[in-house]
PDB file of N, CA and C in Angstrom:
ATOM      1  N   UNK A   1       3.279 111.247 -23.803  1.00  0.00           N
ATOM      2  CA  UNK A   1       4.051 110.032 -23.948  1.00  0.00           C
ATOM      3  C   UNK A   1       4.227 109.339 -22.595  1.00  0.00           C
ATOM      4  N   UNK A   2       4.574 110.129 -21.560  1.00  0.00           N
ATOM      5  CA  UNK A   2       4.762 109.558 -20.235  1.00  0.00           C
ATOM      6  C   UNK A   2       3.447 108.982 -19.705  1.00  0.00           C
ATOM      7  N   UNK A   3       2.358 109.701 -19.945  1.00  0.00           N
ATOM      8  CA  UNK A   3       1.051 109.221 -19.483  1.00  0.00           C
ATOM      9  C   UNK A   3       0.684 107.910 -20.161  1.00  0.00           C
ATOM     10  N   UNK A   4       0.967 107.819 -21.442  1.00  0.00           N
ATOM     11  CA  UNK A   4       0.662 106.599 -22.175  1.00  0.00           C
ATOM     12  C   UNK A   4       1.486 105.424 -21.656  1.00  0.00           C
ATOM     13  N   UNK A   5       2.760 105.619 -21.392  1.00  0.00           N
ATOM     14  CA  UNK A   5       3.619 104.557 -20.856  1.00  0.00           C
ATOM     15  C   UNK A   5       3.159 104.153 -19.466  1.00  0.00           C
ATOM     16  N   UNK A   6       2.779 105.132 -18.655  1.00  0.00           N
ATOM     17  CA  UNK A   6       2.313 104.830 -17.304  1.00  0.00           C
ATOM     18  C   UNK A   6       1.036 103.999 -17.358  1.00  0.00           C
ATOM     19  N   UNK A   7       0.148 104.343 -18.278  1.00  0.00           N
ATOM     20  CA  UNK A   7      -1.105 103.623 -18.410  1.00  0.00           C
ATOM     21  C   UNK A   7      -0.868 102.173 -18.811  1.00  0.00           C
ATOM     22  N   UNK A   8       0.032 101.944 -19.755  1.00  0.00           N
ATOM     23  CA  UNK A   8       0.338 100.574 -20.174  1.00  0.00           C
ATOM     24  C   UNK A   8       0.965  99.787 -19.030  1.00  0.00           C
ATOM     25  N   UNK A   9       1.883 100.417 -18.286  1.00  0.00           N
ATOM     26  CA  UNK A   9       2.531  99.736 -17.175  1.00  0.00           C
ATOM     27  C   UNK A   9       1.523  99.421 -16.072  1.00  0.00           C
ATOM     28  N   UNK A  10       0.639 100.353 -15.783  1.00  0.00           N
ATOM     29  CA  UNK A  10      -0.376 100.124 -14.767  1.00  0.00           C
ATOM     30  C   UNK A  10      -1.297  98.989 -15.193  1.00  0.00           C
ATOM     31  N   UNK A  11      -1.678  98.958 -16.446  1.00  0.00           N
ATOM     32  CA  UNK A  11      -2.536  97.904 -16.963  1.00  0.00           C
ATOM     33  C   UNK A  11      -1.865  96.535 -16.837  1.00  0.00           C
ATOM     34  N   UNK A  12      -0.566  96.471 -17.179  1.00  0.00           N
ATOM     35  CA  UNK A  12       0.167  95.203 -17.072  1.00  0.00           C
ATOM     36  C   UNK A  12       0.260  94.748 -15.626  1.00  0.00           C
ATOM     37  N   UNK A  13       0.514  95.674 -14.705  1.00  0.00           N
ATOM     38  CA  UNK A  13       0.629  95.289 -13.300  1.00  0.00           C
ATOM     39  C   UNK A  13      -0.730  94.851 -12.741  1.00  0.00           C
ATOM     40  N   UNK A  14      -1.816  95.470 -13.202  1.00  0.00           N
ATOM     41  CA  UNK A  14      -3.143  95.046 -12.760  1.00  0.00           C
ATOM     42  C   UNK A  14      -3.470  93.651 -13.288  1.00  0.00           C
ATOM     43  N   UNK A  15      -3.079  93.357 -14.529  1.00  0.00           N
ATOM     44  CA  UNK A  15      -3.304  92.023 -15.071  1.00  0.00           C
ATOM     45  C   UNK A  15      -2.500  91.000 -14.280  1.00  0.00           C
ATOM     46  N   UNK A  16      -1.265  91.328 -13.934  1.00  0.00           N
ATOM     47  CA  UNK A  16      -0.431  90.419 -13.147  1.00  0.00           C
ATOM     48  C   UNK A  16      -1.048  90.190 -11.774  1.00  0.00           C
ATOM     49  N   UNK A  17      -1.547  91.249 -11.165  1.00  0.00           N
ATOM     50  CA  UNK A  17      -2.187  91.119  -9.857  1.00  0.00           C
ATOM     51  C   UNK A  17      -3.406  90.208  -9.937  1.00  0.00           C
ATOM     52  N   UNK A  18      -4.217  90.358 -10.968  1.00  0.00           N
ATOM     53  CA  UNK A  18      -5.389  89.497 -11.123  1.00  0.00           C
ATOM     54  C   UNK A  18      -4.988  88.046 -11.344  1.00  0.00           C
ATOM     55  N   UNK A  19      -3.943  87.817 -12.121  1.00  0.00           N
ATOM     56  CA  UNK A  19      -3.473  86.448 -12.344  1.00  0.00           C
ATOM     57  C   UNK A  19      -2.960  85.850 -11.030  1.00  0.00           C
ATOM     58  N   UNK A  20      -2.219  86.638 -10.258  1.00  0.00           N
ATOM     59  CA  UNK A  20      -1.716  86.141  -8.972  1.00  0.00           C
ATOM     60  C   UNK A  20      -2.856  85.856  -7.996  1.00  0.00           C
ATOM     61  N   UNK A  21      -3.856  86.731  -7.956  1.00  0.00           N
ATOM     62  CA  UNK A  21      -5.005  86.493  -7.086  1.00  0.00           C
ATOM     63  C   UNK A  21      -5.782  85.259  -7.532  1.00  0.00           C
ATOM     64  N   UNK A  22      -5.918  85.073  -8.829  1.00  0.00           N
ATOM     65  CA  UNK A  22      -6.608  83.904  -9.355  1.00  0.00           C
ATOM     66  C   UNK A  22      -5.850  82.628  -9.003  1.00  0.00           C
ATOM     67  N   UNK A  23      -4.534  82.639  -9.169  1.00  0.00           N
ATOM     68  CA  UNK A  23      -3.721  81.469  -8.827  1.00  0.00           C
ATOM     69  C   UNK A  23      -3.789  81.181  -7.330  1.00  0.00           C
ATOM     70  N   UNK A  24      -3.774  82.224  -6.509  1.00  0.00           N
ATOM     71  CA  UNK A  24      -3.891  82.053  -5.058  1.00  0.00           C
ATOM     72  C   UNK A  24      -5.236  81.456  -4.701  1.00  0.00           C
ATOM     73  N   UNK A  25      -6.290  81.929  -5.332  1.00  0.00           N
ATOM     74  CA  UNK A  25      -7.630  81.422  -5.071  1.00  0.00           C
ATOM     75  C   UNK A  25      -7.720  79.940  -5.430  1.00  0.00           C
ATOM     76  N   UNK A  26      -7.205  79.559  -6.607  1.00  0.00           N
ATOM     77  CA  UNK A  26      -7.225  78.154  -7.029  1.00  0.00           C
ATOM     78  C   UNK A  26      -6.458  77.298  -6.031  1.00  0.00           C
ATOM     79  N   UNK A  27      -5.290  77.753  -5.621  1.00  0.00           N
ATOM     80  CA  UNK A  27      -4.472  77.008  -4.665  1.00  0.00           C
ATOM     81  C   UNK A  27      -5.206  76.824  -3.339  1.00  0.00           C
ATOM     82  N   UNK A  28      -5.810  77.896  -2.834  1.00  0.00           N
ATOM     83  CA  UNK A  28      -6.499  77.811  -1.539  1.00  0.00           C
ATOM     84  C   UNK A  28      -7.739  76.929  -1.610  1.00  0.00           C
ATOM     85  N   UNK A  29      -8.472  76.969  -2.703  1.00  0.00           N
ATOM     86  CA  UNK A  29      -9.643  76.104  -2.834  1.00  0.00           C
ATOM     87  C   UNK A  29      -9.209  74.637  -2.898  1.00  0.00           C
ATOM     88  N   UNK A  30      -8.117  74.355  -3.592  1.00  0.00           N
ATOM     89  CA  UNK A  30      -7.609  72.979  -3.646  1.00  0.00           C
ATOM     90  C   UNK A  30      -7.175  72.511  -2.260  1.00  0.00           C
ATOM     91  N   UNK A  31      -6.434  73.344  -1.541  1.00  0.00           N
ATOM     92  CA  UNK A  31      -6.006  72.987  -0.186  1.00  0.00           C
ATOM     93  C   UNK A  31      -7.214  72.829   0.722  1.00  0.00           C
ATOM     94  N   UNK A  32      -8.217  73.695   0.568  1.00  0.00           N
ATOM     95  CA  UNK A  32      -9.438  73.589   1.369  1.00  0.00           C
ATOM     96  C   UNK A  32     -10.130  72.258   1.113  1.00  0.00           C
ATOM     97  N   UNK A  33     -10.157  71.805  -0.120  1.00  0.00           N
ATOM     98  CA  UNK A  33     -10.768  70.514  -0.435  1.00  0.00           C
ATOM     99  C   UNK A  33     -10.030  69.372   0.257  1.00  0.00           C
ATOM    100  N   UNK A  34      -8.705  69.413   0.209  1.00  0.00           N
ATOM    101  CA  UNK A  34      -7.920  68.349   0.844  1.00  0.00           C
ATOM    102  C   UNK A  34      -8.071  68.351   2.361  1.00  0.00           C
ATOM    103  N   UNK A  35      -8.031  69.529   2.967  1.00  0.00           N
ATOM    104  CA  UNK A  35      -8.145  69.565   4.424  1.00  0.00           C
ATOM    105  C   UNK A  35      -9.558  69.200   4.879  1.00  0.00           C
ATOM    106  N   UNK A  36     -10.573  69.592   4.111  1.00  0.00           N
ATOM    107  CA  UNK A  36     -11.939  69.185   4.444  1.00  0.00           C
ATOM    108  C   UNK A  36     -12.066  67.672   4.368  1.00  0.00           C
ATOM    109  N   UNK A  37     -11.521  67.084   3.331  1.00  0.00           N
ATOM    110  CA  UNK A  37     -11.550  65.621   3.195  1.00  0.00           C
ATOM    111  C   UNK A  37     -10.844  64.965   4.377  1.00  0.00           C
ATOM    112  N   UNK A  38      -9.695  65.474   4.742  1.00  0.00           N
ATOM    113  CA  UNK A  38      -8.948  64.908   5.868  1.00  0.00           C
ATOM    114  C   UNK A  38      -9.757  65.000   7.161  1.00  0.00           C
ATOM    115  N   UNK A  39     -10.356  66.152   7.417  1.00  0.00           N
ATOM    116  CA  UNK A  39     -11.120  66.329   8.646  1.00  0.00           C
ATOM    117  C   UNK A  39     -12.359  65.431   8.684  1.00  0.00           C
ATOM    118  N   UNK A  40     -13.055  65.326   7.581  1.00  0.00           N
ATOM    119  CA  UNK A  40     -14.260  64.491   7.554  1.00  0.00           C
ATOM    120  C   UNK A  40     -13.899  63.023   7.758  1.00  0.00           C
ATOM    121  N   UNK A  41     -12.804  62.597   7.167  1.00  0.00           N
ATOM    122  CA  UNK A  41     -12.402  61.193   7.280  1.00  0.00           C
ATOM    123  C   UNK A  41     -11.799  60.853   8.645  1.00  0.00           C
ATOM    124  N   UNK A  42     -11.186  61.810   9.333  1.00  0.00           N
ATOM    125  CA  UNK A  42     -10.424  61.491  10.542  1.00  0.00           C
ATOM    126  C   UNK A  42     -11.023  61.996  11.851  1.00  0.00           C
ATOM    127  N   UNK A  43     -11.980  62.888  11.802  1.00  0.00           N
ATOM    128  CA  UNK A  43     -12.610  63.352  13.042  1.00  0.00           C
ATOM    129  C   UNK A  43     -13.685  62.373  13.462  1.00  0.00           C
ATOM    130  N   UNK A  44     -13.885  62.221  14.764  1.00  0.00           N
ATOM    131  CA  UNK A  44     -14.937  61.305  15.223  1.00  0.00           C
ATOM    132  C   UNK A  44     -16.329  61.694  14.714  1.00  0.00           C
ATOM    133  N   UNK A  45     -16.582  62.986  14.556  1.00  0.00           N
ATOM    134  CA  UNK A  45     -17.910  63.421  14.099  1.00  0.00           C
ATOM    135  C   UNK A  45     -18.141  63.085  12.624  1.00  0.00           C
ATOM    136  N   UNK A  46     -17.086  62.870  11.865  1.00  0.00           N
ATOM    137  CA  UNK A  46     -17.215  62.537  10.450  1.00  0.00           C
ATOM    138  C   UNK A  46     -17.862  63.660   9.662  1.00  0.00           C
ATOM    139  N   UNK A  47     -18.760  63.285   8.767  1.00  0.00           N
ATOM    140  CA  UNK A  47     -19.421  64.274   7.911  1.00  0.00           C
ATOM    141  C   UNK A  47     -20.309  65.205   8.723  1.00  0.00           C
ATOM    142  N   UNK A  48     -20.777  64.776   9.872  1.00  0.00           N
ATOM    143  CA  UNK A  48     -21.620  65.635  10.714  1.00  0.00           C
ATOM    144  C   UNK A  48     -20.838  66.815  11.285  1.00  0.00           C
ATOM    145  N   UNK A  49     -19.521  66.746  11.242  1.00  0.00           N
ATOM    146  CA  UNK A  49     -18.691  67.852  11.711  1.00  0.00           C
ATOM    147  C   UNK A  49     -18.506  68.947  10.674  1.00  0.00           C
ATOM    148  N   UNK A  50     -18.963  68.710   9.449  1.00  0.00           N
ATOM    149  CA  UNK A  50     -18.849  69.727   8.387  1.00  0.00           C
ATOM    150  C   UNK A  50     -19.816  70.860   8.689  1.00  0.00           C
ATOM    151  N   UNK A  51     -19.286  72.085   8.687  1.00  0.00           N
ATOM    152  CA  UNK A  51     -20.109  73.236   9.065  1.00  0.00           C
ATOM    153  C   UNK A  51     -20.937  73.794   7.904  1.00  0.00           C
ATOM    154  N   UNK A  52     -20.570  73.475   6.677  1.00  0.00           N
ATOM    155  CA  UNK A  52     -21.304  73.959   5.513  1.00  0.00           C
ATOM    156  C   UNK A  52     -22.390  72.934   5.161  1.00  0.00           C
ATOM    157  N   UNK A  53     -23.665  73.287   5.328  1.00  0.00           N
ATOM    158  CA  UNK A  53     -24.717  72.303   5.068  1.00  0.00           C
ATOM    159  C   UNK A  53     -24.799  71.849   3.610  1.00  0.00           C
ATOM    160  N   UNK A  54     -24.475  72.737   2.680  1.00  0.00           N
ATOM    161  CA  UNK A  54     -24.501  72.338   1.272  1.00  0.00           C
ATOM    162  C   UNK A  54     -23.381  71.337   0.985  1.00  0.00           C
ATOM    163  N   UNK A  55     -22.197  71.601   1.526  1.00  0.00           N
ATOM    164  CA  UNK A  55     -21.082  70.668   1.345  1.00  0.00           C
ATOM    165  C   UNK A  55     -21.398  69.329   2.008  1.00  0.00           C
ATOM    166  N   UNK A  56     -22.001  69.371   3.180  1.00  0.00           N
ATOM    167  CA  UNK A  56     -22.353  68.138   3.883  1.00  0.00           C
ATOM    168  C   UNK A  56     -23.328  67.313   3.035  1.00  0.00           C
ATOM    169  N   UNK A  57     -24.314  67.969   2.438  1.00  0.00           N
ATOM    170  CA  UNK A  57     -25.282  67.259   1.597  1.00  0.00           C
ATOM    171  C   UNK A  57     -24.602  66.657   0.372  1.00  0.00           C
ATOM    172  N   UNK A  58     -23.795  67.460  -0.309  1.00  0.00           N
ATOM    173  CA  UNK A  58     -23.153  66.983  -1.541  1.00  0.00           C
ATOM    174  C   UNK A  58     -22.225  65.815  -1.248  1.00  0.00           C
ATOM    175  N   UNK A  59     -21.424  65.926  -0.197  1.00  0.00           N
ATOM    176  CA  UNK A  59     -20.476  64.855   0.121  1.00  0.00           C
ATOM    177  C   UNK A  59     -21.207  63.589   0.545  1.00  0.00           C
ATOM    178  N   UNK A  60     -22.210  63.728   1.405  1.00  0.00           N
ATOM    179  CA  UNK A  60     -22.884  62.530   1.915  1.00  0.00           C
ATOM    180  C   UNK A  60     -23.764  61.863   0.860  1.00  0.00           C
ATOM    181  N   UNK A  61     -24.411  62.646   0.005  1.00  0.00           N
ATOM    182  CA  UNK A  61     -25.329  62.069  -0.977  1.00  0.00           C
ATOM    183  C   UNK A  61     -24.664  61.706  -2.307  1.00  0.00           C
ATOM    184  N   UNK A  62     -23.705  62.511  -2.726  1.00  0.00           N
ATOM    185  CA  UNK A  62     -23.141  62.332  -4.067  1.00  0.00           C
ATOM    186  C   UNK A  62     -21.675  61.918  -4.082  1.00  0.00           C
ATOM    187  N   UNK A  63     -20.968  62.080  -2.970  1.00  0.00           N
ATOM    188  CA  UNK A  63     -19.568  61.664  -2.891  1.00  0.00           C
ATOM    189  C   UNK A  63     -18.588  62.809  -3.115  1.00  0.00           C
ATOM    190  N   UNK A  64     -17.323  62.489  -2.899  1.00  0.00           N
ATOM    191  CA  UNK A  64     -16.261  63.499  -2.979  1.00  0.00           C
ATOM    192  C   UNK A  64     -16.038  64.009  -4.388  1.00  0.00           C
ATOM    193  N   UNK A  65     -16.171  63.146  -5.373  1.00  0.00           N
ATOM    194  CA  UNK A  65     -15.943  63.614  -6.750  1.00  0.00           C
ATOM    195  C   UNK A  65     -16.977  64.679  -7.133  1.00  0.00           C
ATOM    196  N   UNK A  66     -18.190  64.540  -6.638  1.00  0.00           N
ATOM    197  CA  UNK A  66     -19.208  65.559  -6.901  1.00  0.00           C
ATOM    198  C   UNK A  66     -18.861  66.880  -6.230  1.00  0.00           C
ATOM    199  N   UNK A  67     -18.227  66.809  -5.078  1.00  0.00           N
ATOM    200  CA  UNK A  67     -17.815  68.032  -4.390  1.00  0.00           C
ATOM    201  C   UNK A  67     -16.774  68.788  -5.227  1.00  0.00           C
ATOM    202  N   UNK A  68     -15.840  68.056  -5.798  1.00  0.00           N
ATOM    203  CA  UNK A  68     -14.825  68.689  -6.650  1.00  0.00           C
ATOM    204  C   UNK A  68     -15.491  69.299  -7.885  1.00  0.00           C
ATOM    205  N   UNK A  69     -16.457  68.590  -8.474  1.00  0.00           N
ATOM    206  CA  UNK A  69     -17.177  69.121  -9.639  1.00  0.00           C
ATOM    207  C   UNK A  69     -17.930  70.389  -9.255  1.00  0.00           C
ATOM    208  N   UNK A  70     -18.608  70.382  -8.099  1.00  0.00           N
ATOM    209  CA  UNK A  70     -19.356  71.569  -7.667  1.00  0.00           C
ATOM    210  C   UNK A  70     -18.426  72.754  -7.408  1.00  0.00           C
ATOM    211  N   UNK A  71     -17.282  72.508  -6.769  1.00  0.00           N
ATOM    212  CA  UNK A  71     -16.325  73.591  -6.535  1.00  0.00           C
ATOM    213  C   UNK A  71     -15.828  74.151  -7.866  1.00  0.00           C
ATOM    214  N   UNK A  72     -15.608  73.291  -8.843  1.00  0.00           N
ATOM    215  CA  UNK A  72     -15.150  73.742 -10.160  1.00  0.00           C
ATOM    216  C   UNK A  72     -16.216  74.581 -10.860  1.00  0.00           C
ATOM    217  N   UNK A  73     -17.476  74.163 -10.759  1.00  0.00           N
ATOM    218  CA  UNK A  73     -18.565  74.914 -11.383  1.00  0.00           C
ATOM    219  C   UNK A  73     -18.691  76.296 -10.745  1.00  0.00           C
ATOM    220  N   UNK A  74     -18.632  76.344  -9.422  1.00  0.00           N
ATOM    221  CA  UNK A  74     -18.721  77.633  -8.716  1.00  0.00           C
ATOM    222  C   UNK A  74     -17.545  78.521  -9.104  1.00  0.00           C
ATOM    223  N   UNK A  75     -16.352  77.945  -9.175  1.00  0.00           N
ATOM    224  CA  UNK A  75     -15.173  78.711  -9.548  1.00  0.00           C
ATOM    225  C   UNK A  75     -15.314  79.285 -10.961  1.00  0.00           C
ATOM    226  N   UNK A  76     -15.749  78.466 -11.907  1.00  0.00           N
ATOM    227  CA  UNK A  76     -15.920  78.955 -13.282  1.00  0.00           C
ATOM    228  C   UNK A  76     -17.008  80.026 -13.358  1.00  0.00           C
ATOM    229  N   UNK A  77     -18.062  79.873 -12.568  1.00  0.00           N
ATOM    230  CA  UNK A  77     -19.110  80.900 -12.542  1.00  0.00           C
ATOM    231  C   UNK A  77     -18.563  82.214 -12.005  1.00  0.00           C
ATOM    232  N   UNK A  78     -17.719  82.143 -10.968  1.00  0.00           N
ATOM    233  CA  UNK A  78     -17.116  83.361 -10.421  1.00  0.00           C
ATOM    234  C   UNK A  78     -16.195  84.035 -11.427  1.00  0.00           C
ATOM    235  N   UNK A  79     -15.425  83.241 -12.139  1.00  0.00           N
ATOM    236  CA  UNK A  79     -14.533  83.804 -13.154  1.00  0.00           C
ATOM    237  C   UNK A  79     -15.355  84.459 -14.275  1.00  0.00           C
ATOM    238  N   UNK A  80     -16.434  83.803 -14.704  1.00  0.00           N
ATOM    239  CA  UNK A  80     -17.286  84.375 -15.739  1.00  0.00           C
ATOM    240  C   UNK A  80     -17.952  85.660 -15.240  1.00  0.00           C
ATOM    241  N   UNK A  81     -18.422  85.646 -13.999  1.00  0.00           N
ATOM    242  CA  UNK A  81     -19.044  86.832 -13.405  1.00  0.00           C
ATOM    243  C   UNK A  81     -18.055  87.988 -13.354  1.00  0.00           C
ATOM    244  N   UNK A  82     -16.851  87.701 -12.855  1.00  0.00           N
ATOM    245  CA  UNK A  82     -15.832  88.747 -12.740  1.00  0.00           C
ATOM    246  C   UNK A  82     -15.422  89.260 -14.116  1.00  0.00           C
ATOM    247  N   UNK A  83     -15.293  88.355 -15.088  1.00  0.00           N
ATOM    248  CA  UNK A  83     -14.919  88.776 -16.435  1.00  0.00           C
ATOM    249  C   UNK A  83     -15.980  89.630 -17.095  1.00  0.00           C
ATOM    250  N   UNK A  84     -17.236  89.241 -16.922  1.00  0.00           N
ATOM    251  CA  UNK A  84     -18.336  89.977 -17.559  1.00  0.00           C
ATOM    252  C   UNK A  84     -18.551  91.341 -16.906  1.00  0.00           C
ATOM    253  N   UNK A  85     -18.695  91.363 -15.588  1.00  0.00           N
ATOM    254  CA  UNK A  85     -18.981  92.615 -14.905  1.00  0.00           C
ATOM    255  C   UNK A  85     -17.727  93.460 -14.694  1.00  0.00           C
ATOM    256  N   UNK A  86     -16.554  92.835 -14.727  1.00  0.00           N
ATOM    257  CA  UNK A  86     -15.311  93.585 -14.584  1.00  0.00           C
ATOM    258  C   UNK A  86     -14.994  94.457 -15.771  1.00  0.00           C
ATOM    259  N   UNK A  87     -15.656  94.195 -16.904  1.00  0.00           N
ATOM    260  CA  UNK A  87     -15.445  95.018 -18.090  1.00  0.00           C
ATOM    261  C   UNK A  87     -16.104  96.384 -17.943  1.00  0.00           C
ATOM    262  N   UNK A  88     -17.119  96.471 -17.112  1.00  0.00           N
ATOM    263  CA  UNK A  88     -17.834  97.723 -16.890  1.00  0.00           C
ATOM    264  C   UNK A  88     -17.031  98.568 -15.898  1.00  0.00           C
ATOM    265  N   UNK A  89     -16.638  99.751 -16.321  1.00  0.00           N
ATOM    266  CA  UNK A  89     -15.814 100.633 -15.488  1.00  0.00           C
ATOM    267  C   UNK A  89     -16.499 100.929 -14.153  1.00  0.00           C
ATOM    268  N   UNK A  90     -17.808 101.146 -14.173  1.00  0.00           N
ATOM    269  CA  UNK A  90     -18.527 101.509 -12.950  1.00  0.00           C
ATOM    270  C   UNK A  90     -18.584 100.349 -11.955  1.00  0.00           C
ATOM    271  N   UNK A  91     -18.599  99.121 -12.449  1.00  0.00           N
ATOM    272  CA  UNK A  91     -18.714  97.954 -11.573  1.00  0.00           C
ATOM    273  C   UNK A  91     -17.373  97.305 -11.244  1.00  0.00           C
ATOM    274  N   UNK A  92     -16.298  97.741 -11.891  1.00  0.00           N
ATOM    275  CA  UNK A  92     -15.007  97.074 -11.729  1.00  0.00           C
ATOM    276  C   UNK A  92     -14.534  97.055 -10.277  1.00  0.00           C
ATOM    277  N   UNK A  93     -14.649  98.169  -9.573  1.00  0.00           N
ATOM    278  CA  UNK A  93     -14.205  98.218  -8.177  1.00  0.00           C
ATOM    279  C   UNK A  93     -15.058  97.283  -7.318  1.00  0.00           C
ATOM    280  N   UNK A  94     -16.371  97.267  -7.566  1.00  0.00           N
ATOM    281  CA  UNK A  94     -17.259  96.375  -6.824  1.00  0.00           C
ATOM    282  C   UNK A  94     -16.868  94.922  -7.036  1.00  0.00           C
ATOM    283  N   UNK A  95     -16.590  94.546  -8.283  1.00  0.00           N
ATOM    284  CA  UNK A  95     -16.200  93.168  -8.594  1.00  0.00           C
ATOM    285  C   UNK A  95     -14.870  92.835  -7.932  1.00  0.00           C
ATOM    286  N   UNK A  96     -13.891  93.738  -8.031  1.00  0.00           N
ATOM    287  CA  UNK A  96     -12.589  93.471  -7.429  1.00  0.00           C
ATOM    288  C   UNK A  96     -12.685  93.317  -5.920  1.00  0.00           C
ATOM    289  N   UNK A  97     -13.447  94.193  -5.257  1.00  0.00           N
ATOM    290  CA  UNK A  97     -13.605  94.077  -3.804  1.00  0.00           C
ATOM    291  C   UNK A  97     -14.390  92.824  -3.431  1.00  0.00           C
ATOM    292  N   UNK A  98     -15.367  92.468  -4.247  1.00  0.00           N
ATOM    293  CA  UNK A  98     -16.124  91.241  -3.989  1.00  0.00           C
ATOM    294  C   UNK A  98     -15.249  90.007  -4.083  1.00  0.00           C
ATOM    295  N   UNK A  99     -14.387  89.959  -5.109  1.00  0.00           N
ATOM    296  CA  UNK A  99     -13.474  88.825  -5.245  1.00  0.00           C
ATOM    297  C   UNK A  99     -12.447  88.793  -4.120  1.00  0.00           C
ATOM    298  N   UNK A 100     -11.996  89.963  -3.698  1.00  0.00           N
ATOM    299  CA  UNK A 100     -11.069  90.021  -2.568  1.00  0.00           C
ATOM    300  C   UNK A 100     -11.746  89.532  -1.288  1.00  0.00           C
ATOM    301  N   UNK A 101     -13.001  89.911  -1.088  1.00  0.00           N
ATOM    302  CA  UNK A 101     -13.745  89.442   0.090  1.00  0.00           C
ATOM    303  C   UNK A 101     -13.926  87.928   0.038  1.00  0.00           C
ATOM    304  N   UNK A 102     -14.212  87.393  -1.143  1.00  0.00           N
ATOM    305  CA  UNK A 102     -14.352  85.956  -1.295  1.00  0.00           C
ATOM    306  C   UNK A 102     -13.039  85.244  -0.994  1.00  0.00           C
ATOM    307  N   UNK A 103     -11.942  85.811  -1.452  1.00  0.00           N
ATOM    308  CA  UNK A 103     -10.634  85.246  -1.158  1.00  0.00           C
ATOM    309  C   UNK A 103     -10.374  85.238   0.344  1.00  0.00           C
ATOM    310  N   UNK A 104     -10.773  86.289   1.025  1.00  0.00           N
ATOM    311  CA  UNK A 104     -10.584  86.347   2.476  1.00  0.00           C
ATOM    312  C   UNK A 104     -11.445  85.300   3.184  1.00  0.00           C
ATOM    313  N   UNK A 105     -12.634  85.034   2.675  1.00  0.00           N
ATOM    314  CA  UNK A 105     -13.484  83.991   3.255  1.00  0.00           C
ATOM    315  C   UNK A 105     -12.820  82.624   3.106  1.00  0.00           C
ATOM    316  N   UNK A 106     -12.252  82.358   1.930  1.00  0.00           N
ATOM    317  CA  UNK A 106     -11.569  81.081   1.705  1.00  0.00           C
ATOM    318  C   UNK A 106     -10.351  80.961   2.631  1.00  0.00           C
ATOM    319  N   UNK A 107      -9.604  82.048   2.799  1.00  0.00           N
ATOM    320  CA  UNK A 107      -8.444  82.034   3.700  1.00  0.00           C
ATOM    321  C   UNK A 107      -8.893  81.755   5.132  1.00  0.00           C
ATOM    322  N   UNK A 108      -9.969  82.374   5.565  1.00  0.00           N
ATOM    323  CA  UNK A 108     -10.481  82.154   6.922  1.00  0.00           C
ATOM    324  C   UNK A 108     -10.934  80.709   7.106  1.00  0.00           C
ATOM    325  N   UNK A 109     -11.618  80.173   6.126  1.00  0.00           N
ATOM    326  CA  UNK A 109     -12.052  78.779   6.193  1.00  0.00           C
ATOM    327  C   UNK A 109     -10.855  77.849   6.272  1.00  0.00           C
ATOM    328  N   UNK A 110      -9.834  78.142   5.480  1.00  0.00           N
ATOM    329  CA  UNK A 110      -8.634  77.309   5.494  1.00  0.00           C
ATOM    330  C   UNK A 110      -7.914  77.408   6.832  1.00  0.00           C
ATOM    331  N   UNK A 111      -7.862  78.590   7.412  1.00  0.00           N
ATOM    332  CA  UNK A 111      -7.235  78.750   8.726  1.00  0.00           C
ATOM    333  C   UNK A 111      -7.976  77.924   9.770  1.00  0.00           C
ATOM    334  N   UNK A 112      -9.305  77.911   9.682  1.00  0.00           N
ATOM    335  CA  UNK A 112     -10.100  77.097  10.604  1.00  0.00           C
ATOM    336  C   UNK A 112      -9.807  75.612  10.422  1.00  0.00           C
ATOM    337  N   UNK A 113      -9.723  75.158   9.171  1.00  0.00           N
ATOM    338  CA  UNK A 113      -9.400  73.750   8.915  1.00  0.00           C
ATOM    339  C   UNK A 113      -8.033  73.381   9.469  1.00  0.00           C
ATOM    340  N   UNK A 114      -7.055  74.244   9.250  1.00  0.00           N
ATOM    341  CA  UNK A 114      -5.705  73.951   9.759  1.00  0.00           C
ATOM    342  C   UNK A 114      -5.679  73.944  11.283  1.00  0.00           C
ATOM    343  N   UNK A 115      -6.448  74.822  11.897  1.00  0.00           N
ATOM    344  CA  UNK A 115      -6.550  74.817  13.363  1.00  0.00           C
ATOM    345  C   UNK A 115      -7.158  73.497  13.843  1.00  0.00           C
ATOM    346  N   UNK A 116      -8.216  73.049  13.181  1.00  0.00           N
ATOM    347  CA  UNK A 116      -8.856  71.789  13.585  1.00  0.00           C
ATOM    348  C   UNK A 116      -7.904  70.605  13.411  1.00  0.00           C
ATOM    349  N   UNK A 117      -7.142  70.604  12.330  1.00  0.00           N
ATOM    350  CA  UNK A 117      -6.165  69.524  12.143  1.00  0.00           C
ATOM    351  C   UNK A 117      -5.094  69.592  13.216  1.00  0.00           C
ATOM    352  N   UNK A 118      -4.674  70.802  13.568  1.00  0.00           N
ATOM    353  CA  UNK A 118      -3.684  70.978  14.626  1.00  0.00           C
ATOM    354  C   UNK A 118      -4.159  70.485  15.978  1.00  0.00           C
ATOM    355  N   UNK A 119      -5.445  70.630  16.271  1.00  0.00           N
ATOM    356  CA  UNK A 119      -5.963  70.148  17.559  1.00  0.00           C
ATOM    357  C   UNK A 119      -6.115  68.634  17.585  1.00  0.00           C
ATOM    358  N   UNK A 120      -6.145  68.013  16.408  1.00  0.00           N
ATOM    359  CA  UNK A 120      -6.261  66.544  16.344  1.00  0.00           C
ATOM    360  C   UNK A 120      -4.929  65.861  16.580  1.00  0.00           C
ATOM    361  N   UNK A 121      -3.847  66.552  16.325  1.00  0.00           N
ATOM    362  CA  UNK A 121      -2.521  65.931  16.412  1.00  0.00           C
ATOM    363  C   UNK A 121      -2.067  65.827  17.849  1.00  0.00           C
TER     364      UNK A 121
END
């Protein structure tokens, strides 16, 4: 009985953790989009100052709305990937660590953007 209750509680806390990580990821990607837009519009280098060549191409050729669409497509693909492969017990840890690493990359990118905005002020 105790083992069964512990298992249900652990499962609920893991679901909550995944929801919180997902919400954090969405928030950081949205903030990253806004800070990237601000930097491209206000830095003297403009779009040439963007360090991501794919983002630079999409923004310069297709516009900002296309960038938001591309970020949304990538995000949905990641959620589908995590949902599909996360069901497999053997791959679950790999998927969780991969998503955590991706979250850390987004945090690092955002820290860089905030630093660049701070140096402009």
